[in-house]
Every structure is written in C-alpha cells, then in structure tokens.
C-alpha cells in the first residue's frame, strides 16, 4: 500500500517548545534575554555560552590525536563523508515513496557509506581510543560538549553541509542537552556490570562504536520493518522516523568528519575535535532511541486504525 492522495508529508522535526527552551538555556547557564527570541537559534547563543570547559575538552582531543596519529585512511573517510551527505539528501525522496510495497534495500543503501567509515574506524581501533580518552556522558560532559558545538562554527557548518538547516541543527543540540540524564545511562564497556550467565562485558563494543553501529543497525532494519509492519504504522510515525534517520546520519557525519580531520587537514582545534566526536555520538544515540519509540515500540493506542490510516 502506498501513500494516498490526501496524505501530507511533514518534516518530522520535533518542535522546541518554551519548556524545552527554558531547560536548555538553564543547563547551558545562559541568562538574560539571549535565546529568548521567538525562534531559538544556535548562532544567537554563540557568544553567550561559557568557555570554562574548553581547555579540558582540548586535553581529550590532544590525547586522541597522539594515540591515532598516522592510522587513518583520509581518502576513505573523505569518500564516506561525501556519501553520508548524499544519503541524507536522498531522505526526502525516500519519504515521498512512503511505505515499501515489498521488502527492498533502500535503507541499507542509505546506511552503506556510513558503514564503510564504521568498519574502517573499528579496524584501526578508533572507537577504543575514543573510549580510552573521552569521558562518559555525564550531564556535565554533555553540557560542555554542547557548549563547544554551539561555539565552534566549523562544527555547525559541517551539519549545514550535511543538509541540516538552522531549525534542525537547533533541534539536535537542544535534544542532546535536555536528555543529558538519559545519555548518562550509556556507560563505557568497563563500567558495564559483570553478568557471566548472559554476556561478558569484554565482548561488548566500546561506547562510541555502540552509538554509531547501533544507529546503523536500526536504519538497516527499516527495509524489513516498514514493509512488514505497515498496517500498524501511520504517516505521522513515518515522518518522525525519517527525521530520526536523518538525525542518526547527522551524528555519524559529525563523528566521521572529525575522524577525517584527524587523518588529513587537521583544521579543527582539539576542543572542537572532542566536541565533534562526543556530540556526534550523542546525536546518534538519541536518534536510535527515538526511532525505536517512533517506529518499533507501538502501543495499541498509538497504532493506525484497523484498515490503515491511508485508506
């Protein structure tokens, strides 16, 4: 069953309401009239967020540079970044196609360039190095990371190049900051509780590898899921799901762009490198949590009416 003639496609981007705005600004420590305009913009906040954690973030970035010097394939990572941008650009067409009439490979193809980067980064030990040198997602680390994302024009520019407009960039950062307690539940492999009856923590991938790899697995699964579960899903759910895919790819793009910078141009400051890696992982994590809620964990109260909402 495809889309009906009366169906409306929306962008699925979550609105930043007044409560979200107030909480976001409070966590960042922004006071006064900054950010109080009707349209919250990261560029408006650039000069208002503090720099007290920049030196600490720079220390983490310097350690990662030292650890991974010479181990990355700049050409492969550049191709992957371009490929991820192309995948993001394809999402409106994928949304317009609606629910697939048969099981296909469209979502696998969207994820493919990111998988290329993922496999390379895993092979050279990039994710292990990130876990060694970056702190876990404590509320303070999330706040410091978000503040650096806002301050660093090269990072917001990277998201813009990936296809995120100002409203979308703001939605990504607001969500990460306001869900800092949720992100803090994603711990490093070493902090996982030992449970010999079900798994060995030594077999669990590093935190940032779980962030990117988990997001890509959710995207891959959509080829099967959207075709198989169309009867219970609504057009509004698909709108939100496509945004979740875009958010996950945006986070991965930010992470891979930072790895590419390490491999060649080294244009990012050390604090910006840290913010791109931690921020990209956080965005990818939030995207996979959201897509699970928006498209997979559907209650009877939320599901499409019997016979479908596109009849």
C-alpha atoms as a PDB file:
ATOM      1  CA  UNK A   1       0.000   0.000   0.000  1.00  0.00           C
ATOM      2  CA  UNK A   2       1.480   3.343  -0.984  1.00  0.00           C
ATOM      3  CA  UNK A   3       0.592   6.881   0.013  1.00  0.00           C
ATOM      4  CA  UNK A   4      -2.901   8.129  -0.655  1.00  0.00           C
ATOM      5  CA  UNK A   5      -3.638  11.374  -2.460  1.00  0.00           C
ATOM      6  CA  UNK A   6      -4.710  13.133   0.733  1.00  0.00           C
ATOM      7  CA  UNK A   7      -1.658  12.210   2.772  1.00  0.00           C
ATOM      8  CA  UNK A   8       0.552  15.045   3.963  1.00  0.00           C
ATOM      9  CA  UNK A   9       4.311  14.768   4.356  1.00  0.00           C
ATOM     10  CA  UNK A  10       5.795  16.805   7.199  1.00  0.00           C
ATOM     11  CA  UNK A  11       9.449  17.124   8.106  1.00  0.00           C
ATOM     12  CA  UNK A  12       9.049  15.281  11.407  1.00  0.00           C
ATOM     13  CA  UNK A  13      11.449  17.659  13.163  1.00  0.00           C
ATOM     14  CA  UNK A  14      10.410  17.993  16.822  1.00  0.00           C
ATOM     15  CA  UNK A  15       9.376  21.467  17.869  1.00  0.00           C
ATOM     16  CA  UNK A  16      11.404  23.198  20.563  1.00  0.00           C
ATOM     17  CA  UNK A  17       8.666  24.462  22.849  1.00  0.00           C
ATOM     18  CA  UNK A  18       9.015  27.018  25.615  1.00  0.00           C
ATOM     19  CA  UNK A  19       9.665  24.388  28.278  1.00  0.00           C
ATOM     20  CA  UNK A  20      12.417  22.815  26.151  1.00  0.00           C
ATOM     21  CA  UNK A  21      13.930  26.230  25.565  1.00  0.00           C
ATOM     22  CA  UNK A  22      13.981  27.183  29.239  1.00  0.00           C
ATOM     23  CA  UNK A  23      15.502  23.886  30.306  1.00  0.00           C
ATOM     24  CA  UNK A  24      18.110  24.039  27.543  1.00  0.00           C
ATOM     25  CA  UNK A  25      19.211  27.561  28.444  1.00  0.00           C
ATOM     26  CA  UNK A  26      19.251  26.753  32.160  1.00  0.00           C
ATOM     27  CA  UNK A  27      21.522  23.727  31.669  1.00  0.00           C
ATOM     28  CA  UNK A  28      23.877  25.772  29.493  1.00  0.00           C
ATOM     29  CA  UNK A  29      23.932  28.567  32.066  1.00  0.00           C
ATOM     30  CA  UNK A  30      22.652  31.167  29.609  1.00  0.00           C
ATOM     31  CA  UNK A  31      20.788  34.006  31.315  1.00  0.00           C
ATOM     32  CA  UNK A  32      19.166  37.261  30.312  1.00  0.00           C
ATOM     33  CA  UNK A  33      17.428  37.865  27.006  1.00  0.00           C
ATOM     34  CA  UNK A  34      19.766  35.726  24.885  1.00  0.00           C
ATOM     35  CA  UNK A  35      17.837  32.894  23.298  1.00  0.00           C
ATOM     36  CA  UNK A  36      14.500  34.420  24.245  1.00  0.00           C
ATOM     37  CA  UNK A  37      13.522  35.298  20.680  1.00  0.00           C
ATOM     38  CA  UNK A  38      10.602  33.503  19.097  1.00  0.00           C
ATOM     39  CA  UNK A  39      12.952  31.358  17.016  1.00  0.00           C
ATOM     40  CA  UNK A  40      15.762  29.862  19.095  1.00  0.00           C
ATOM     41  CA  UNK A  41      18.996  29.840  17.079  1.00  0.00           C
ATOM     42  CA  UNK A  42      22.379  28.364  17.906  1.00  0.00           C
ATOM     43  CA  UNK A  43      24.109  31.272  16.194  1.00  0.00           C
ATOM     44  CA  UNK A  44      22.403  33.679  18.602  1.00  0.00           C
ATOM     45  CA  UNK A  45      23.857  31.724  21.519  1.00  0.00           C
ATOM     46  CA  UNK A  46      27.422  31.505  20.213  1.00  0.00           C
ATOM     47  CA  UNK A  47      28.744  34.386  22.255  1.00  0.00           C
ATOM     48  CA  UNK A  48      26.702  33.606  25.350  1.00  0.00           C
ATOM     49  CA  UNK A  49      27.843  30.092  26.275  1.00  0.00           C
ATOM     50  CA  UNK A  50      30.760  29.783  28.640  1.00  0.00           C
ATOM     51  CA  UNK A  51      34.243  28.551  27.760  1.00  0.00           C
ATOM     52  CA  UNK A  52      35.192  27.179  31.149  1.00  0.00           C
ATOM     53  CA  UNK A  53      35.423  23.592  29.873  1.00  0.00           C
ATOM     54  CA  UNK A  54      37.237  24.312  26.597  1.00  0.00           C
ATOM     55  CA  UNK A  55      40.699  23.543  27.971  1.00  0.00           C
ATOM     56  CA  UNK A  56      39.555  20.219  29.375  1.00  0.00           C
ATOM     57  CA  UNK A  57      37.945  19.275  26.063  1.00  0.00           C
ATOM     58  CA  UNK A  58      41.163  20.256  24.287  1.00  0.00           C
ATOM     59  CA  UNK A  59      43.146  17.883  26.511  1.00  0.00           C
ATOM     60  CA  UNK A  60      40.956  14.963  25.473  1.00  0.00           C
ATOM     61  CA  UNK A  61      41.304  15.866  21.804  1.00  0.00           C
ATOM     62  CA  UNK A  62      45.081  16.146  22.054  1.00  0.00           C
ATOM     63  CA  UNK A  63      45.297  12.667  23.551  1.00  0.00           C
ATOM     64  CA  UNK A  64      43.214  11.199  20.747  1.00  0.00           C
ATOM     65  CA  UNK A  65      45.400  12.881  18.113  1.00  0.00           C
ATOM     66  CA  UNK A  66      48.525  11.441  19.703  1.00  0.00           C
ATOM     67  CA  UNK A  67      47.014   7.965  20.001  1.00  0.00           C
ATOM     68  CA  UNK A  68      45.800   7.750  16.401  1.00  0.00           C
ATOM     69  CA  UNK A  69      48.488   9.652  14.517  1.00  0.00           C
ATOM     70  CA  UNK A  70      49.018   8.086  11.092  1.00  0.00           C
ATOM     71  CA  UNK A  71      46.483   5.291  11.455  1.00  0.00           C
ATOM     72  CA  UNK A  72      43.555   6.640   9.427  1.00  0.00           C
ATOM     73  CA  UNK A  73      42.767   6.479   5.710  1.00  0.00           C
ATOM     74  CA  UNK A  74      41.972  10.067   4.727  1.00  0.00           C
ATOM     75  CA  UNK A  75      40.708   9.130   1.267  1.00  0.00           C
ATOM     76  CA  UNK A  76      38.284   6.512   2.554  1.00  0.00           C
ATOM     77  CA  UNK A  77      36.933   8.833   5.222  1.00  0.00           C
ATOM     78  CA  UNK A  78      36.507  11.695   2.753  1.00  0.00           C
ATOM     79  CA  UNK A  79      34.521   9.425   0.433  1.00  0.00           C
ATOM     80  CA  UNK A  80      32.419   8.294   3.389  1.00  0.00           C
ATOM     81  CA  UNK A  81      31.606  11.870   4.441  1.00  0.00           C
ATOM     82  CA  UNK A  82      30.517  12.727   0.899  1.00  0.00           C
ATOM     83  CA  UNK A  83      28.499   9.506   0.742  1.00  0.00           C
ATOM     84  CA  UNK A  84      26.718  10.239   4.024  1.00  0.00           C
ATOM     85  CA  UNK A  85      25.814  13.707   2.747  1.00  0.00           C
ATOM     86  CA  UNK A  86      24.365  12.109  -0.399  1.00  0.00           C
ATOM     87  CA  UNK A  87      22.386   9.662   1.738  1.00  0.00           C
ATOM     88  CA  UNK A  88      20.896  12.496   3.779  1.00  0.00           C
ATOM     89  CA  UNK A  89      19.964  14.296   0.559  1.00  0.00           C
ATOM     90  CA  UNK A  90      18.050  11.170  -0.555  1.00  0.00           C
ATOM     91  CA  UNK A  91      15.785  11.084   2.508  1.00  0.00           C
ATOM     92  CA  UNK A  92      13.026  13.370   1.154  1.00  0.00           C
ATOM     93  CA  UNK A  93      12.675  11.103  -1.883  1.00  0.00           C
ATOM     94  CA  UNK A  94      12.643   8.053   0.376  1.00  0.00           C
ATOM     95  CA  UNK A  95       9.902   9.638   2.478  1.00  0.00           C
ATOM     96  CA  UNK A  96       7.881  10.564  -0.599  1.00  0.00           C
ATOM     97  CA  UNK A  97       7.951   6.904  -1.668  1.00  0.00           C
ATOM     98  CA  UNK A  98       6.090   6.044   1.546  1.00  0.00           C
ATOM     99  CA  UNK A  99       5.838   2.509   2.849  1.00  0.00           C
ATOM    100  CA  UNK A 100       7.505  -0.069   0.591  1.00  0.00           C
ATOM    101  CA  UNK A 101       5.242  -2.450  -1.331  1.00  0.00           C
ATOM    102  CA  UNK A 102       7.843  -5.182  -0.923  1.00  0.00           C
ATOM    103  CA  UNK A 103      10.994  -5.731   1.029  1.00  0.00           C
ATOM    104  CA  UNK A 104      13.809  -3.796  -0.613  1.00  0.00           C
ATOM    105  CA  UNK A 105      17.242  -2.378   0.107  1.00  0.00           C
ATOM    106  CA  UNK A 106      16.630   1.380   0.120  1.00  0.00           C
ATOM    107  CA  UNK A 107      17.543   1.897   3.767  1.00  0.00           C
ATOM    108  CA  UNK A 108      20.556  -0.408   3.532  1.00  0.00           C
ATOM    109  CA  UNK A 109      21.770   1.738   0.661  1.00  0.00           C
ATOM    110  CA  UNK A 110      21.268   4.916   2.685  1.00  0.00           C
ATOM    111  CA  UNK A 111      23.381   3.477   5.506  1.00  0.00           C
ATOM    112  CA  UNK A 112      26.098   1.965   3.277  1.00  0.00           C
ATOM    113  CA  UNK A 113      28.559   4.924   3.172  1.00  0.00           C
ATOM    114  CA  UNK A 114      28.431   5.237   6.952  1.00  0.00           C
ATOM    115  CA  UNK A 115      29.110   1.503   7.331  1.00  0.00           C
ATOM    116  CA  UNK A 116      32.274   1.954   5.223  1.00  0.00           C
ATOM    117  CA  UNK A 117      33.566   4.529   7.678  1.00  0.00           C
ATOM    118  CA  UNK A 118      32.416   2.497  10.675  1.00  0.00           C
ATOM    119  CA  UNK A 119      34.289  -0.614   9.522  1.00  0.00           C
ATOM    120  CA  UNK A 120      37.493   1.346   8.958  1.00  0.00           C
ATOM    121  CA  UNK A 121      37.311   3.114  12.311  1.00  0.00           C
ATOM    122  CA  UNK A 122      36.704  -0.187  14.091  1.00  0.00           C
ATOM    123  CA  UNK A 123      39.620  -1.829  12.276  1.00  0.00           C
ATOM    124  CA  UNK A 124      42.140   0.850  13.246  1.00  0.00           C
ATOM    125  CA  UNK A 125      40.983   0.967  16.873  1.00  0.00           C
ATOM    126  CA  UNK A 126      39.432   4.430  16.682  1.00  0.00           C
ATOM    127  CA  UNK A 127      36.442   3.566  18.851  1.00  0.00           C
ATOM    128  CA  UNK A 128      38.650   2.005  21.505  1.00  0.00           C
ATOM    129  CA  UNK A 129      40.814   5.131  21.559  1.00  0.00           C
ATOM    130  CA  UNK A 130      37.746   7.336  21.882  1.00  0.00           C
ATOM    131  CA  UNK A 131      36.558   5.318  24.867  1.00  0.00           C
ATOM    132  CA  UNK A 132      40.008   5.492  26.465  1.00  0.00           C
ATOM    133  CA  UNK A 133      40.351   9.236  26.166  1.00  0.00           C
ATOM    134  CA  UNK A 134      36.836  10.692  26.267  1.00  0.00           C
ATOM    135  CA  UNK A 135      34.801  10.902  29.471  1.00  0.00           C
ATOM    136  CA  UNK A 136      31.453   9.185  29.755  1.00  0.00           C
ATOM    137  CA  UNK A 137      28.237  11.052  29.104  1.00  0.00           C
ATOM    138  CA  UNK A 138      27.784  12.698  32.478  1.00  0.00           C
ATOM    139  CA  UNK A 139      25.421  15.686  32.495  1.00  0.00           C
ATOM    140  CA  UNK A 140      28.439  17.992  32.854  1.00  0.00           C
ATOM    141  CA  UNK A 141      30.226  16.451  29.871  1.00  0.00           C
ATOM    142  CA  UNK A 142      27.109  16.693  27.736  1.00  0.00           C
ATOM    143  CA  UNK A 143      26.742  20.367  28.691  1.00  0.00           C
ATOM    144  CA  UNK A 144      30.401  21.114  27.898  1.00  0.00           C
ATOM    145  CA  UNK A 145      30.151  19.253  24.587  1.00  0.00           C
ATOM    146  CA  UNK A 146      27.009  21.129  23.566  1.00  0.00           C
ATOM    147  CA  UNK A 147      28.554  24.467  24.507  1.00  0.00           C
ATOM    148  CA  UNK A 148      31.542  23.737  22.268  1.00  0.00           C
ATOM    149  CA  UNK A 149      29.275  22.610  19.434  1.00  0.00           C
ATOM    150  CA  UNK A 150      27.498  25.954  19.654  1.00  0.00           C
ATOM    151  CA  UNK A 151      30.726  27.972  19.845  1.00  0.00           C
ATOM    152  CA  UNK A 152      32.518  26.114  17.040  1.00  0.00           C
ATOM    153  CA  UNK A 153      31.401  27.445  13.675  1.00  0.00           C
ATOM    154  CA  UNK A 154      33.225  24.630  11.797  1.00  0.00           C
ATOM    155  CA  UNK A 155      31.014  22.061  13.534  1.00  0.00           C
ATOM    156  CA  UNK A 156      27.697  23.779  12.884  1.00  0.00           C
ATOM    157  CA  UNK A 157      28.939  24.374   9.323  1.00  0.00           C
ATOM    158  CA  UNK A 158      29.597  20.646   8.956  1.00  0.00           C
ATOM    159  CA  UNK A 159      25.988  19.924   9.901  1.00  0.00           C
ATOM    160  CA  UNK A 160      24.821  22.575   7.452  1.00  0.00           C
ATOM    161  CA  UNK A 161      26.877  20.945   4.687  1.00  0.00           C
ATOM    162  CA  UNK A 162      25.252  17.636   5.580  1.00  0.00           C
ATOM    163  CA  UNK A 163      21.828  19.135   4.887  1.00  0.00           C
ATOM    164  CA  UNK A 164      20.635  20.407   8.287  1.00  0.00           C
ATOM    165  CA  UNK A 165      19.045  23.844   8.316  1.00  0.00           C
ATOM    166  CA  UNK A 166      19.157  26.164  11.314  1.00  0.00           C
ATOM    167  CA  UNK A 167      15.977  24.820  12.885  1.00  0.00           C
ATOM    168  CA  UNK A 168      17.177  21.234  12.520  1.00  0.00           C
ATOM    169  CA  UNK A 169      20.607  21.961  13.988  1.00  0.00           C
ATOM    170  CA  UNK A 170      18.959  23.629  16.958  1.00  0.00           C
ATOM    171  CA  UNK A 171      16.618  20.662  17.464  1.00  0.00           C
ATOM    172  CA  UNK A 172      19.582  18.251  17.534  1.00  0.00           C
ATOM    173  CA  UNK A 173      21.542  20.189  20.135  1.00  0.00           C
ATOM    174  CA  UNK A 174      18.532  21.044  22.320  1.00  0.00           C
ATOM    175  CA  UNK A 175      17.547  17.372  22.448  1.00  0.00           C
ATOM    176  CA  UNK A 176      21.047  16.230  23.449  1.00  0.00           C
ATOM    177  CA  UNK A 177      21.306  18.829  26.216  1.00  0.00           C
ATOM    178  CA  UNK A 178      17.817  18.243  27.597  1.00  0.00           C
ATOM    179  CA  UNK A 179      18.353  14.467  27.584  1.00  0.00           C
ATOM    180  CA  UNK A 180      21.700  14.618  29.376  1.00  0.00           C
ATOM    181  CA  UNK A 181      20.491  12.366  32.187  1.00  0.00           C
ATOM    182  CA  UNK A 182      19.331   9.804  29.624  1.00  0.00           C
ATOM    183  CA  UNK A 183      22.682   9.895  27.825  1.00  0.00           C
ATOM    184  CA  UNK A 184      24.468   9.351  31.138  1.00  0.00           C
ATOM    185  CA  UNK A 185      22.972   5.845  31.174  1.00  0.00           C
ATOM    186  CA  UNK A 186      25.221   4.923  28.231  1.00  0.00           C
ATOM    187  CA  UNK A 187      28.349   3.852  30.079  1.00  0.00           C
ATOM    188  CA  UNK A 188      31.746   2.678  28.923  1.00  0.00           C
ATOM    189  CA  UNK A 189      32.367  -1.026  28.472  1.00  0.00           C
ATOM    190  CA  UNK A 190      34.445  -1.110  31.639  1.00  0.00           C
ATOM    191  CA  UNK A 191      31.501   0.208  33.675  1.00  0.00           C
ATOM    192  CA  UNK A 192      29.052  -2.462  32.495  1.00  0.00           C
ATOM    193  CA  UNK A 193      28.024  -4.854  35.274  1.00  0.00           C
ATOM    194  CA  UNK A 194      29.531  -8.315  35.002  1.00  0.00           C
ATOM    195  CA  UNK A 195      26.908 -10.959  34.292  1.00  0.00           C
ATOM    196  CA  UNK A 196      28.604 -14.218  33.359  1.00  0.00           C
ATOM    197  CA  UNK A 197      25.303 -16.015  32.785  1.00  0.00           C
ATOM    198  CA  UNK A 198      24.295 -13.831  29.847  1.00  0.00           C
ATOM    199  CA  UNK A 199      27.288 -11.898  28.499  1.00  0.00           C
ATOM    200  CA  UNK A 200      30.895 -10.966  29.085  1.00  0.00           C
ATOM    201  CA  UNK A 201      31.464  -7.180  29.194  1.00  0.00           C
ATOM    202  CA  UNK A 202      34.767  -7.807  27.401  1.00  0.00           C
ATOM    203  CA  UNK A 203      32.728  -8.821  24.343  1.00  0.00           C
ATOM    204  CA  UNK A 204      30.768  -5.536  24.282  1.00  0.00           C
ATOM    205  CA  UNK A 205      31.903  -2.866  21.820  1.00  0.00           C
ATOM    206  CA  UNK A 206      33.219   0.497  23.066  1.00  0.00           C
ATOM    207  CA  UNK A 207      30.650   3.196  23.815  1.00  0.00           C
ATOM    208  CA  UNK A 208      31.109   5.260  20.648  1.00  0.00           C
ATOM    209  CA  UNK A 209      31.102   2.147  18.483  1.00  0.00           C
ATOM    210  CA  UNK A 210      27.766   1.181  20.021  1.00  0.00           C
ATOM    211  CA  UNK A 211      26.489   4.687  19.286  1.00  0.00           C
ATOM    212  CA  UNK A 212      27.313   4.581  15.567  1.00  0.00           C
ATOM    213  CA  UNK A 213      26.849   0.866  14.929  1.00  0.00           C
ATOM    214  CA  UNK A 214      23.564   0.741  16.802  1.00  0.00           C
ATOM    215  CA  UNK A 215      22.194   3.657  14.783  1.00  0.00           C
ATOM    216  CA  UNK A 216      23.161   1.978  11.505  1.00  0.00           C
ATOM    217  CA  UNK A 217      21.556  -1.311  12.523  1.00  0.00           C
ATOM    218  CA  UNK A 218      18.276   0.494  13.241  1.00  0.00           C
ATOM    219  CA  UNK A 219      18.407   2.097   9.790  1.00  0.00           C
ATOM    220  CA  UNK A 220      19.147  -1.236   8.109  1.00  0.00           C
ATOM    221  CA  UNK A 221      16.182  -2.833   9.868  1.00  0.00           C
ATOM    222  CA  UNK A 222      13.720  -0.370   8.330  1.00  0.00           C
ATOM    223  CA  UNK A 223      13.723  -2.198   4.983  1.00  0.00           C
ATOM    224  CA  UNK A 224      12.119  -5.164   6.716  1.00  0.00           C
ATOM    225  CA  UNK A 225      10.160  -3.336   9.392  1.00  0.00           C
ATOM    226  CA  UNK A 226       8.338  -0.751   7.264  1.00  0.00           C
ATOM    227  CA  UNK A 227       7.283  -3.387   4.766  1.00  0.00           C
ATOM    228  CA  UNK A 228       6.219  -5.916   7.410  1.00  0.00           C
ATOM    229  CA  UNK A 229       4.518  -3.572   9.888  1.00  0.00           C
ATOM    230  CA  UNK A 230       2.867  -1.028   7.581  1.00  0.00           C
ATOM    231  CA  UNK A 231      -0.602  -1.966   8.806  1.00  0.00           C
ATOM    232  CA  UNK A 232       0.042  -0.573  12.292  1.00  0.00           C
ATOM    233  CA  UNK A 233       2.155   2.450  11.342  1.00  0.00           C
ATOM    234  CA  UNK A 234       0.851   5.902  10.438  1.00  0.00           C
ATOM    235  CA  UNK A 235       2.145   8.556   8.087  1.00  0.00           C
ATOM    236  CA  UNK A 236       2.975  10.747  11.096  1.00  0.00           C
ATOM    237  CA  UNK A 237       5.088   7.940  12.542  1.00  0.00           C
ATOM    238  CA  UNK A 238       6.958   7.630   9.260  1.00  0.00           C
ATOM    239  CA  UNK A 239       7.548  11.404   9.248  1.00  0.00           C
ATOM    240  CA  UNK A 240       9.151  11.150  12.671  1.00  0.00           C
ATOM    241  CA  UNK A 241      11.066   8.028  11.694  1.00  0.00           C
ATOM    242  CA  UNK A 242      12.632   9.698   8.658  1.00  0.00           C
ATOM    243  CA  UNK A 243      13.728  12.574  10.888  1.00  0.00           C
ATOM    244  CA  UNK A 244      15.241  10.052  13.290  1.00  0.00           C
ATOM    245  CA  UNK A 245      17.187   8.515  10.397  1.00  0.00           C
ATOM    246  CA  UNK A 246      18.392  11.967   9.389  1.00  0.00           C
ATOM    247  CA  UNK A 247      19.440  12.709  12.967  1.00  0.00           C
ATOM    248  CA  UNK A 248      21.375   9.440  13.229  1.00  0.00           C
ATOM    249  CA  UNK A 249      23.154  10.083   9.943  1.00  0.00           C
ATOM    250  CA  UNK A 250      23.864  13.649  11.074  1.00  0.00           C
ATOM    251  CA  UNK A 251      25.514  12.438  14.260  1.00  0.00           C
ATOM    252  CA  UNK A 252      27.557   9.870  12.332  1.00  0.00           C
ATOM    253  CA  UNK A 253      28.528  12.538   9.790  1.00  0.00           C
ATOM    254  CA  UNK A 254      29.828  14.770  12.595  1.00  0.00           C
ATOM    255  CA  UNK A 255      31.831  11.894  14.106  1.00  0.00           C
ATOM    256  CA  UNK A 256      33.301  10.738  10.783  1.00  0.00           C
ATOM    257  CA  UNK A 257      34.100  14.330   9.777  1.00  0.00           C
ATOM    258  CA  UNK A 258      36.165  14.630  12.954  1.00  0.00           C
ATOM    259  CA  UNK A 259      37.996  11.393  12.136  1.00  0.00           C
ATOM    260  CA  UNK A 260      38.681  12.697   8.610  1.00  0.00           C
ATOM    261  CA  UNK A 261      40.108  15.893  10.101  1.00  0.00           C
ATOM    262  CA  UNK A 262      42.446  13.781  12.204  1.00  0.00           C
ATOM    263  CA  UNK A 263      43.548  11.903   9.095  1.00  0.00           C
ATOM    264  CA  UNK A 264      44.428  14.903   6.996  1.00  0.00           C
ATOM    265  CA  UNK A 265      43.556  18.579   7.188  1.00  0.00           C
ATOM    266  CA  UNK A 266      43.685  18.966  10.994  1.00  0.00           C
ATOM    267  CA  UNK A 267      41.624  22.143  10.767  1.00  0.00           C
ATOM    268  CA  UNK A 268      39.693  21.504  13.980  1.00  0.00           C
ATOM    269  CA  UNK A 269      41.034  22.684  17.294  1.00  0.00           C
ATOM    270  CA  UNK A 270      41.488  19.938  19.875  1.00  0.00           C
ATOM    271  CA  UNK A 271      38.407  21.076  21.814  1.00  0.00           C
ATOM    272  CA  UNK A 272      36.378  21.038  18.601  1.00  0.00           C
ATOM    273  CA  UNK A 273      37.603  17.533  17.791  1.00  0.00           C
ATOM    274  CA  UNK A 274      36.367  16.332  21.173  1.00  0.00           C
ATOM    275  CA  UNK A 275      33.009  18.059  20.734  1.00  0.00           C
ATOM    276  CA  UNK A 276      32.506  16.549  17.269  1.00  0.00           C
ATOM    277  CA  UNK A 277      33.264  13.021  18.459  1.00  0.00           C
ATOM    278  CA  UNK A 278      31.243  13.222  21.679  1.00  0.00           C
ATOM    279  CA  UNK A 279      28.456  15.301  20.139  1.00  0.00           C
ATOM    280  CA  UNK A 280      28.186  13.087  17.066  1.00  0.00           C
ATOM    281  CA  UNK A 281      27.931  10.001  19.256  1.00  0.00           C
ATOM    282  CA  UNK A 282      25.316  11.627  21.475  1.00  0.00           C
ATOM    283  CA  UNK A 283      23.175  12.626  18.489  1.00  0.00           C
ATOM    284  CA  UNK A 284      23.428   9.102  17.052  1.00  0.00           C
ATOM    285  CA  UNK A 285      22.392   7.615  20.395  1.00  0.00           C
ATOM    286  CA  UNK A 286      19.392   9.889  20.740  1.00  0.00           C
ATOM    287  CA  UNK A 287      18.347   9.119  17.166  1.00  0.00           C
ATOM    288  CA  UNK A 288      18.316   5.382  17.739  1.00  0.00           C
ATOM    289  CA  UNK A 289      16.385   5.757  20.974  1.00  0.00           C
ATOM    290  CA  UNK A 290      13.828   7.919  19.179  1.00  0.00           C
ATOM    291  CA  UNK A 291      13.425   5.652  16.156  1.00  0.00           C
ATOM    292  CA  UNK A 292      12.753   2.742  18.490  1.00  0.00           C
ATOM    293  CA  UNK A 293       9.943   4.723  20.140  1.00  0.00           C
ATOM    294  CA  UNK A 294       8.595   6.237  16.924  1.00  0.00           C
ATOM    295  CA  UNK A 295       8.502   3.174  14.655  1.00  0.00           C
ATOM    296  CA  UNK A 296       9.074  -0.006  16.644  1.00  0.00           C
ATOM    297  CA  UNK A 297       7.522   0.179  20.115  1.00  0.00           C
ATOM    298  CA  UNK A 298       3.977   0.961  19.024  1.00  0.00           C
ATOM    299  CA  UNK A 299       1.148   0.525  21.508  1.00  0.00           C
ATOM    300  CA  UNK A 300      -2.435  -0.369  20.590  1.00  0.00           C
ATOM    301  CA  UNK A 301      -3.465   3.187  21.439  1.00  0.00           C
ATOM    302  CA  UNK A 302      -0.902   4.633  19.020  1.00  0.00           C
ATOM    303  CA  UNK A 303      -1.248   2.211  16.120  1.00  0.00           C
ATOM    304  CA  UNK A 304      -3.011   3.008  12.864  1.00  0.00           C
ATOM    305  CA  UNK A 305      -6.740   2.263  12.760  1.00  0.00           C
ATOM    306  CA  UNK A 306      -7.814  -1.152  11.550  1.00  0.00           C
ATOM    307  CA  UNK A 307      -7.731  -0.981   7.789  1.00  0.00           C
ATOM    308  CA  UNK A 308      -4.988   1.660   7.850  1.00  0.00           C
ATOM    309  CA  UNK A 309      -4.938   5.449   8.054  1.00  0.00           C
ATOM    310  CA  UNK A 310      -4.130   5.750   4.369  1.00  0.00           C
ATOM    311  CA  UNK A 311      -7.283   4.077   3.032  1.00  0.00           C
END
